[in-house]
Protein backbone atom coordinates (compact mmCIF):
# COMPACT_ATOMS: atom_id res chain seq x y z
CA MET A 1 -27.83 -10.01 2.29
CA LYS A 2 -30.05 -6.71 1.77
CA VAL A 3 -29.96 -4.09 4.23
CA THR A 4 -32.44 -1.40 3.16
CA VAL A 5 -32.24 1.90 4.57
CA ILE A 6 -35.57 4.43 4.74
CA GLY A 7 -34.26 7.66 5.13
CA GLY A 8 -31.02 6.86 2.75
CA GLY A 9 -30.53 10.92 1.58
CA SER A 10 -29.90 11.73 5.31
CA THR A 11 -26.85 13.21 6.11
CA TYR A 12 -25.91 10.58 8.76
CA THR A 13 -25.85 8.11 5.91
CA PRO A 14 -22.20 8.23 5.32
CA GLU A 15 -21.62 7.44 8.85
CA LEU A 16 -23.82 4.09 8.72
CA VAL A 17 -22.21 3.25 5.43
CA SER A 18 -18.73 3.77 7.33
CA GLY A 19 -20.31 1.12 10.16
CA PHE A 20 -21.10 -1.17 7.18
CA LEU A 21 -17.13 -0.73 5.54
CA ALA A 22 -15.67 -1.36 8.77
CA ARG A 23 -17.79 -4.90 9.65
CA ALA A 24 -17.84 -6.33 6.13
CA ASP A 25 -16.03 -9.47 7.38
CA SER A 26 -18.34 -10.03 10.10
CA LEU A 27 -21.40 -8.79 8.62
CA PRO A 28 -21.50 -10.08 4.76
CA VAL A 29 -23.46 -7.33 3.31
CA SER A 30 -24.33 -7.81 -0.67
CA GLU A 31 -26.75 -4.61 -1.03
CA LEU A 32 -27.21 -1.68 0.64
CA TRP A 33 -30.67 -0.06 -0.25
CA LEU A 34 -30.90 3.28 0.10
CA VAL A 35 -34.71 4.86 -0.48
CA ASP A 36 -35.61 8.88 -0.36
CA ILE A 37 -38.68 10.41 -1.18
CA ALA A 38 -36.35 13.25 -2.27
CA PRO A 39 -34.26 11.85 -5.23
CA GLU A 40 -31.78 15.36 -5.92
CA ARG A 41 -30.84 14.61 -1.70
CA LEU A 42 -30.64 11.06 -2.23
CA ALA A 43 -28.46 11.29 -5.57
CA THR A 44 -26.13 13.86 -3.68
CA VAL A 45 -25.69 11.21 -0.38
CA GLY A 46 -26.08 8.23 -2.14
CA GLY A 47 -23.67 9.47 -4.79
CA PHE A 48 -21.01 9.69 -2.16
CA ALA A 49 -21.94 6.55 -0.73
CA GLN A 50 -21.10 4.98 -3.60
CA ARG A 51 -17.93 6.38 -3.62
CA MET A 52 -17.23 5.60 -0.52
CA VAL A 53 -17.67 2.04 -0.57
CA THR A 54 -16.05 1.95 -4.52
CA ALA A 55 -12.57 3.44 -2.78
CA GLN A 56 -12.68 0.02 0.02
CA GLY A 57 -13.04 -2.17 -2.68
CA ALA A 58 -16.45 -2.42 -3.06
CA PRO A 59 -17.46 -5.16 -0.44
CA PHE A 60 -21.17 -4.62 -1.67
CA ALA A 61 -23.25 -2.65 -3.76
CA VAL A 62 -25.09 0.69 -2.83
CA ARG A 63 -28.76 0.65 -4.96
CA LEU A 64 -30.71 4.22 -4.48
CA SER A 65 -34.49 3.98 -4.95
CA THR A 66 -37.45 6.35 -4.05
CA ASP A 67 -39.84 3.11 -4.57
CA GLN A 68 -40.28 1.69 -1.10
CA GLN A 69 -41.69 -1.51 -1.79
CA ALA A 70 -38.85 -2.46 -4.13
CA ALA A 71 -36.09 -1.30 -2.01
CA LEU A 72 -37.86 -3.11 1.33
CA ALA A 73 -38.20 -6.76 -0.87
CA GLY A 74 -36.52 -9.48 0.38
CA ALA A 75 -34.38 -7.39 2.97
CA ARG A 76 -32.70 -9.16 6.01
CA TYR A 77 -32.54 -5.77 8.18
CA VAL A 78 -34.40 -2.53 7.82
CA ILE A 79 -33.16 1.20 9.24
CA THR A 80 -35.49 3.48 9.79
CA GLN A 81 -33.85 7.54 9.78
CA LEU A 82 -36.56 9.31 8.35
CA ARG A 83 -37.86 12.92 9.07
CA VAL A 84 -40.98 13.74 8.28
CA GLY A 85 -41.18 17.20 7.07
CA GLY A 86 -37.10 17.55 6.90
CA MET A 87 -35.46 20.03 9.32
CA GLY A 88 -38.10 22.67 8.65
CA ALA A 89 -40.98 20.59 10.34
CA ARG A 90 -37.78 20.13 13.25
CA ARG A 91 -37.31 24.35 13.41
CA GLU A 92 -41.31 24.37 13.53
CA ASP A 93 -41.67 21.75 16.35
CA GLU A 94 -38.94 23.83 18.11
CA TYR A 95 -40.53 27.17 18.36
CA LEU A 96 -44.05 25.85 18.70
CA GLY A 97 -42.64 25.34 22.05
CA LYS A 98 -41.57 28.53 22.56
CA ARG A 99 -44.27 30.69 21.56
CA HIS A 100 -46.35 29.28 24.21
CA GLY A 101 -43.80 29.16 27.32
CA LEU A 102 -42.74 25.92 26.78
CA ILE A 103 -39.59 23.49 26.18
CA GLY A 104 -39.20 23.42 22.58
CA GLN A 105 -36.92 20.47 21.71
CA GLU A 106 -37.41 17.74 19.01
CA THR A 107 -38.19 14.46 21.05
CA THR A 108 -38.93 16.23 24.37
CA GLY A 109 -42.57 17.98 25.10
CA VAL A 110 -45.03 19.12 22.63
CA GLY A 111 -42.04 19.47 19.65
CA GLY A 112 -41.29 15.95 20.49
CA MET A 113 -45.35 14.81 20.02
CA ALA A 114 -45.58 17.26 16.83
CA LYS A 115 -42.86 14.97 15.66
CA ALA A 116 -44.14 11.64 16.69
CA LEU A 117 -47.81 12.32 14.92
CA ARG A 118 -46.33 13.03 11.89
CA THR A 119 -43.69 10.09 11.77
CA ILE A 120 -45.81 7.04 13.68
CA PRO A 121 -48.39 6.94 10.28
CA VAL A 122 -45.28 6.75 7.92
CA MET A 123 -43.44 4.33 10.00
CA LEU A 124 -46.45 2.15 10.12
CA ASP A 125 -46.50 2.14 6.47
CA VAL A 126 -42.80 1.18 6.19
CA ALA A 127 -43.40 -2.21 8.92
CA ARG A 128 -46.98 -3.15 6.65
CA ASP A 129 -44.84 -2.95 4.01
CA MET A 130 -42.01 -5.14 5.64
CA ARG A 131 -44.69 -7.43 6.37
CA LYS A 132 -46.07 -8.28 2.66
CA VAL A 133 -42.43 -7.95 1.04
CA ALA A 134 -39.83 -9.01 3.90
CA PRO A 135 -41.53 -11.30 6.40
CA GLY A 136 -39.52 -11.89 9.03
CA ALA A 137 -36.70 -8.79 8.88
CA LEU A 138 -35.61 -6.95 11.97
CA LEU A 139 -36.88 -3.33 11.66
CA VAL A 140 -34.29 -1.08 13.73
CA ASN A 141 -35.61 2.36 14.05
CA PHE A 142 -33.61 5.48 14.86
CA ALA A 143 -36.24 8.19 13.66
CA ASN A 144 -36.94 10.12 16.36
CA PRO A 145 -38.63 9.43 19.34
CA SER A 146 -37.15 6.77 18.82
CA GLY A 147 -39.06 4.98 21.90
CA LEU A 148 -42.32 6.22 21.30
CA ILE A 149 -42.20 4.85 17.67
CA THR A 150 -41.08 1.77 18.51
CA GLU A 151 -44.22 1.49 21.43
CA ALA A 152 -46.41 2.69 18.05
CA LEU A 153 -45.16 -0.33 16.03
CA THR A 154 -44.80 -3.10 18.50
CA ARG A 155 -48.53 -2.06 19.69
CA TYR A 156 -50.14 -1.50 16.14
CA VAL A 157 -48.10 -3.72 13.62
CA PRO A 158 -47.00 -6.72 16.04
CA GLU A 159 -46.08 -8.95 13.44
CA VAL A 160 -42.85 -7.08 12.77
CA PRO A 161 -39.89 -7.80 14.94
CA VAL A 162 -38.87 -3.89 15.80
CA VAL A 163 -36.15 -2.98 18.20
CA GLY A 164 -35.64 1.46 18.92
CA LEU A 165 -32.38 2.39 18.57
CA CYS A 166 -30.83 5.83 19.98
CA ASN A 167 -27.56 6.50 20.28
CA VAL A 168 -27.00 8.30 23.81
CA PRO A 169 -26.68 4.96 25.76
CA ILE A 170 -23.40 4.45 23.69
CA ASN A 171 -22.14 7.30 23.80
CA ALA A 172 -22.76 7.02 27.95
CA LYS A 173 -20.98 3.68 27.92
CA MET A 174 -18.05 5.04 25.92
CA GLU A 175 -17.56 8.31 28.10
CA MET A 176 -17.21 6.10 31.31
CA LEU A 177 -14.84 3.73 29.41
CA LYS A 178 -12.99 6.43 28.79
CA GLY A 179 -12.40 7.80 32.04
CA LEU A 180 -11.99 4.59 33.53
CA GLU A 181 -9.00 4.19 30.65
CA MET A 182 -7.72 7.61 31.79
CA ARG A 183 -7.85 7.22 35.75
CA ARG A 184 -6.19 3.40 35.59
CA GLY A 185 -3.94 3.92 32.50
CA GLN A 186 -4.63 1.51 30.56
CA HIS A 187 -6.67 0.40 27.50
CA PHE A 188 -10.12 -1.76 27.45
CA GLU A 189 -11.93 -3.33 24.72
CA PRO A 190 -15.66 -1.92 24.54
CA GLN A 191 -16.71 -5.19 24.51
CA THR A 192 -15.94 -5.58 27.90
CA ALA A 193 -18.05 -2.96 29.53
CA ARG A 194 -21.99 -3.17 30.25
CA LEU A 195 -24.04 -0.41 31.07
CA ASP A 196 -26.61 -0.89 33.16
CA THR A 197 -29.64 1.54 32.15
CA LEU A 198 -33.42 1.55 32.54
CA GLY A 199 -36.22 4.11 31.46
CA LEU A 200 -38.25 5.51 28.41
CA ASN A 201 -35.91 6.69 25.19
CA HIS A 202 -34.38 10.31 26.38
CA LEU A 203 -35.85 9.51 30.01
CA SER A 204 -33.73 6.98 31.26
CA TRP A 205 -31.16 6.55 34.06
CA HIS A 206 -27.76 4.84 34.08
CA ARG A 207 -27.11 2.90 37.19
CA GLY A 208 -24.80 0.16 36.80
CA PHE A 209 -21.23 -0.12 35.28
CA THR A 210 -19.31 -3.51 34.79
CA LEU A 211 -16.02 -3.60 33.52
CA GLU A 212 -14.61 -6.90 32.59
CA GLY A 213 -16.84 -8.79 34.73
CA GLU A 214 -16.04 -6.29 37.57
CA ASP A 215 -18.08 -3.62 39.15
CA VAL A 216 -16.87 -0.30 39.16
CA TRP A 217 -20.18 1.63 39.48
CA PRO A 218 -19.12 2.99 42.58
CA GLU A 219 -15.83 4.82 41.02
CA VAL A 220 -17.66 5.93 37.79
CA LEU A 221 -20.13 7.80 40.42
CA ASP A 222 -18.03 9.40 42.27
CA ALA A 223 -15.67 10.56 39.60
CA PHE A 224 -18.77 12.15 38.25
CA LEU A 225 -19.73 13.69 41.01
CA SER A 226 -16.40 14.71 41.57
CA GLU A 227 -16.43 16.36 38.23
CA LEU A 228 -19.78 18.40 39.31
CA TRP A 229 -18.57 19.55 42.36
CA GLU A 230 -15.09 20.90 40.88
CA GLN A 231 -17.19 22.69 37.83
CA GLU A 232 -18.91 26.99 38.46
CA GLN A 233 -21.59 25.83 36.42
CA PRO A 234 -21.98 22.23 36.02
CA ASP A 235 -24.82 20.32 33.66
CA TRP A 236 -26.50 18.49 36.90
CA ASP A 237 -26.91 19.71 40.51
CA PRO A 238 -24.23 17.63 42.01
CA GLN A 239 -26.72 17.42 45.28
CA THR A 240 -29.31 15.98 42.88
CA ILE A 241 -27.05 13.21 41.67
CA ALA A 242 -25.77 12.21 45.12
CA ALA A 243 -29.54 11.86 46.28
CA LEU A 244 -30.07 9.93 42.66
CA GLY A 245 -27.12 7.55 43.20
CA MET A 246 -27.84 6.94 38.89
CA ILE A 247 -26.61 9.44 36.54
CA PRO A 248 -29.73 10.86 34.18
CA ASN A 249 -29.68 10.42 30.56
CA TYR A 250 -28.70 13.96 29.11
CA TYR A 251 -32.64 14.50 28.01
CA LEU A 252 -33.57 14.82 31.83
CA GLN A 253 -32.10 18.02 32.21
CA TYR A 254 -35.27 18.87 30.39
CA TYR A 255 -37.25 18.20 33.56
CA TYR A 256 -34.69 18.29 36.31
CA ALA A 257 -33.63 22.04 35.14
CA THR A 258 -36.60 23.22 33.41
CA GLU A 259 -36.08 26.86 34.18
CA ASP A 260 -33.13 26.73 32.47
CA LYS A 261 -33.77 25.15 29.87
CA LEU A 262 -36.44 27.97 29.19
CA ALA A 263 -34.08 30.65 29.67
CA ALA A 264 -31.44 29.60 27.27
CA GLN A 265 -34.79 29.54 24.31
CA GLN A 266 -34.50 33.21 24.76
CA ASP A 267 -31.42 33.46 22.81
CA TRP A 268 -32.60 32.14 19.63
CA PRO A 269 -32.26 32.32 16.70
CA PRO A 270 -30.55 29.88 16.11
CA SER A 271 -32.22 26.81 17.49
CA ARG A 272 -30.41 23.68 17.56
CA ALA A 273 -32.60 22.60 13.74
CA GLU A 274 -31.38 26.52 12.43
CA GLN A 275 -27.52 25.41 13.63
CA VAL A 276 -28.00 21.66 11.91
CA MET A 277 -29.46 23.45 8.93
CA ALA A 278 -26.57 25.57 8.20
CA ILE A 279 -24.15 22.05 9.13
CA GLU A 280 -26.30 19.91 6.79
CA ARG A 281 -26.10 22.94 4.19
CA LYS A 282 -22.08 22.56 4.21
CA LEU A 283 -22.16 18.81 4.65
CA LEU A 284 -24.62 18.52 1.57
CA GLU A 285 -22.19 20.63 -0.71
CA ASP A 286 -18.99 18.32 0.64
CA TYR A 287 -21.04 15.24 -0.39
CA ALA A 288 -21.38 16.47 -4.03
CA ASP A 289 -18.24 17.03 -4.43
CA THR A 290 -17.30 14.10 -6.90
CA THR A 291 -13.76 13.75 -5.66
CA LEU A 292 -14.45 12.83 -1.97
CA ASP A 293 -14.97 9.52 -0.77
CA THR A 294 -14.38 9.98 2.48
CA PRO A 295 -16.54 11.64 5.33
CA PRO A 296 -15.70 15.02 5.65
CA ALA A 297 -14.97 16.45 9.29
CA GLU A 298 -18.31 18.12 9.54
CA LEU A 299 -19.89 15.01 10.08
CA MET A 300 -19.43 14.94 13.96
CA GLN A 301 -21.02 18.17 14.06
CA ARG A 302 -23.97 17.06 13.26
CA GLY A 303 -24.88 15.31 16.63
CA GLY A 304 -24.61 11.53 15.87
CA ALA A 305 -21.67 9.87 17.90
CA TYR A 306 -21.46 6.34 17.72
CA TYR A 307 -24.64 6.23 15.57
CA ALA A 308 -22.91 3.84 12.93
CA THR A 309 -21.20 1.76 15.93
CA ALA A 310 -24.63 1.31 17.34
CA ALA A 311 -26.49 0.40 14.53
CA THR A 312 -24.00 -1.72 12.93
CA GLN A 313 -22.97 -3.49 15.82
CA LEU A 314 -26.37 -4.01 16.62
CA LEU A 315 -26.88 -6.25 13.21
CA THR A 316 -23.69 -8.03 13.45
CA ALA A 317 -24.76 -9.41 17.12
CA HIS A 318 -28.12 -10.35 15.39
CA HIS A 319 -26.55 -11.76 12.37
CA ASN A 320 -23.33 -13.82 14.17
CA ASP A 321 -25.90 -14.89 17.35
CA LEU A 322 -23.05 -13.21 19.80
CA GLY A 323 -24.97 -12.70 22.63
CA GLU A 324 -23.36 -9.35 22.84
CA VAL A 325 -25.74 -6.61 25.72
CA HIS A 326 -27.00 -3.98 24.06
CA VAL A 327 -28.98 -1.18 25.47
CA VAL A 328 -32.15 -0.77 23.17
CA ASN A 329 -36.20 0.10 23.25
CA VAL A 330 -38.47 -2.75 23.28
CA ARG A 331 -41.65 -4.47 24.88
CA HIS A 332 -39.94 -5.85 27.82
CA GLY A 333 -42.73 -8.58 28.59
CA GLY A 334 -42.74 -8.78 32.12
CA VAL A 335 -38.68 -8.88 33.22
CA ILE A 336 -39.21 -5.88 35.35
CA ASP A 337 -41.64 -6.59 38.00
CA GLY A 338 -44.50 -4.56 38.68
CA TRP A 339 -44.39 -2.53 35.47
CA PRO A 340 -47.09 -3.26 32.74
CA ALA A 341 -45.67 -6.04 30.40
CA ASP A 342 -46.37 -3.82 27.08
CA TRP A 343 -44.64 -1.07 27.73
CA VAL A 344 -41.58 -0.38 25.65
CA LEU A 345 -38.12 0.79 27.74
CA GLU A 346 -34.77 1.15 27.01
CA MET A 347 -33.09 -1.11 28.40
CA PRO A 348 -30.13 -3.87 28.33
CA CYS A 349 -31.22 -6.89 26.37
CA ARG A 350 -29.25 -9.72 24.75
CA VAL A 351 -28.95 -9.73 21.02
CA THR A 352 -28.98 -13.52 19.39
CA ARG A 353 -29.78 -14.61 16.17
CA GLU A 354 -33.57 -15.70 17.74
CA GLY A 355 -33.73 -11.85 18.46
CA VAL A 356 -33.45 -9.08 20.82
CA GLU A 357 -34.42 -10.46 24.40
CA PRO A 358 -35.47 -7.91 27.55
CA LEU A 359 -32.95 -8.43 30.66
CA PRO A 360 -34.44 -9.29 33.81
CA ALA A 361 -33.60 -6.06 36.20
CA PRO A 362 -34.92 -4.47 39.22
CA PRO A 363 -37.69 -1.48 38.81
CA LEU A 364 -36.23 1.81 39.13
CA PRO A 365 -36.84 3.44 42.68
CA MET A 366 -40.10 5.61 42.97
CA VAL A 367 -37.93 8.83 42.42
CA CYS A 368 -37.94 8.19 38.81
CA PHE A 369 -41.07 5.88 38.95
CA GLY A 370 -43.81 8.58 38.86
CA LEU A 371 -42.02 10.73 36.04
CA LEU A 372 -41.31 7.80 34.02
CA ALA A 373 -45.12 6.92 34.45
CA ALA A 374 -46.78 9.86 33.26
CA VAL A 375 -44.05 10.03 30.11
CA LYS A 376 -45.28 6.65 29.55
CA SER A 377 -48.71 7.52 29.68
CA TYR A 378 -48.34 10.37 27.20
CA GLU A 379 -46.49 8.31 25.00
CA ILE A 380 -49.28 5.69 24.71
CA LEU A 381 -52.36 8.14 24.31
CA THR A 382 -49.67 10.11 21.39
CA ALA A 383 -49.40 6.47 19.69
CA ASN A 384 -52.82 6.30 19.71
CA ALA A 385 -54.20 9.52 18.45
CA ALA A 386 -51.01 9.78 15.59
CA THR A 387 -52.40 6.08 14.75
CA HIS A 388 -56.26 6.85 14.43
CA GLY A 389 -56.54 10.37 14.05
CA ASP A 390 -57.93 10.46 17.37
CA ARG A 391 -58.16 14.29 18.45
CA ARG A 392 -59.30 13.58 22.19
CA ALA A 393 -56.34 11.20 22.50
CA ALA A 394 -53.80 14.13 21.51
CA TYR A 395 -55.91 16.31 24.11
CA GLN A 396 -55.00 13.61 26.30
CA ALA A 397 -51.41 13.01 25.73
CA LEU A 398 -50.64 16.84 25.95
CA LEU A 399 -52.59 17.27 29.43
CA SER A 400 -50.85 14.07 30.81
CA HIS A 401 -46.94 15.10 29.41
CA PRO A 402 -45.40 16.99 32.59
CA LEU A 403 -43.66 19.58 30.30
CA GLY A 404 -46.95 20.00 28.70
CA PRO A 405 -49.34 23.19 29.15
CA SER A 406 -51.62 23.81 31.95
CA ALA A 407 -55.16 22.59 31.69
CA GLU A 408 -56.57 25.94 30.48
CA ASN A 409 -53.80 26.44 27.43
CA VAL A 410 -53.89 22.55 26.04
CA GLY A 411 -56.64 23.34 23.64
CA ALA A 412 -54.97 26.13 22.14
CA VAL A 413 -51.53 24.78 21.46
CA LEU A 414 -53.09 21.50 20.39
CA THR A 415 -54.51 23.63 17.64
CA ASP A 416 -51.77 25.97 17.21
CA LEU A 417 -49.77 22.12 16.60
CA LEU A 418 -52.22 20.67 13.92
CA LYS A 419 -52.16 23.39 12.20
CA THR A 420 -48.85 24.39 12.36
CA HIS A 421 -48.15 21.00 10.52
CA ALA A 422 -51.66 20.59 8.94
CA ALA A 423 -49.58 19.11 5.50
CA TYR A 424 -47.83 15.77 7.59
CA LEU A 425 -51.09 15.50 9.47
CA PRO A 426 -54.06 13.80 7.29
CA GLN A 427 -55.17 11.83 9.60
CA PHE A 428 -56.64 14.70 12.14
CA GLY A 429 -58.55 15.67 8.54
CA ASN A 430 -56.49 18.72 8.30
């Protein structure tokens, strides 16, 4: 079994390698190909990955390549974790929002749109190469904004099966599970727990939790609310959570507490990108140490908790026909009554050898749907703009986003965005 990772020079890669090593008995990978456009970085990260695998008895080979088509040829699974423009472009995304009085964030608002415009054309090229040299391979996309990119891939290269993945749902599941274990004084296996989540990537609501078949959502929600009421400065307004009866994805703070997030930006630098750049410098120094063959502690500061678990367990469930339920991003195909069938949603899906099947579920209440529909409109417009270099669609995308600029400022923000990232947006004729 050949697995190819596009963006193999990412500092996340060693965690992913750890996931494959932990599942070597159930996921029989023979070759793990790491692909990157930055040869020196690939050599540093890839060399460390090779040492990690050698130290564990070399259950599979790690190959390094800058040739995308050669690395994709014959792959069974393809994982994408690329970042067009690197961390410097992420920093530009954050400050793009800040200088226009908007949220500056890499996946949400104008920063997320800038990242999507840069990333979607590259991802479409990956999918088209897969169509040629790895037909039938499953594309697992981690590149942000994951749901929006999955939307674009599903619309414009529909022949390639794709699933969008994010570590937020599995983080939420594990936090809820830990809380239950503490309250009940016993251990539960993660596979016996099931999280009910629905929405879009970074715009979803957790609304149910079962443990060994028992509905424990009332207990989970009550405990969450109790903690909020006890805190002096809680992350969420307890009255809002009580009114929703759900626990929002962390990224909904940008919508529910916009003024607080804007105020926090006034303390930059450092922005989150600048913090991560410092972490990455240290990680790359560690990876270059030829005596190191286990991931350093600093990797957990990078922000990818359970990343490896989410990715490698999904592949394991698919390869072994396990029928497990995973929260992922796919086109729902009409299983959510009343919602457009062609929308990509983040939702529970059953994973078998046949594919990733979205499970029927009731729609979200009206209090959520209006926001979700507005952001989905933005996603569809952005996918169109990125694919076709359509400035009008890009303008409409900014106009439709709930965190976007006011109508009279859309033109200025779009001009700034296209100028800032001109080197990575050739489709707009820059």
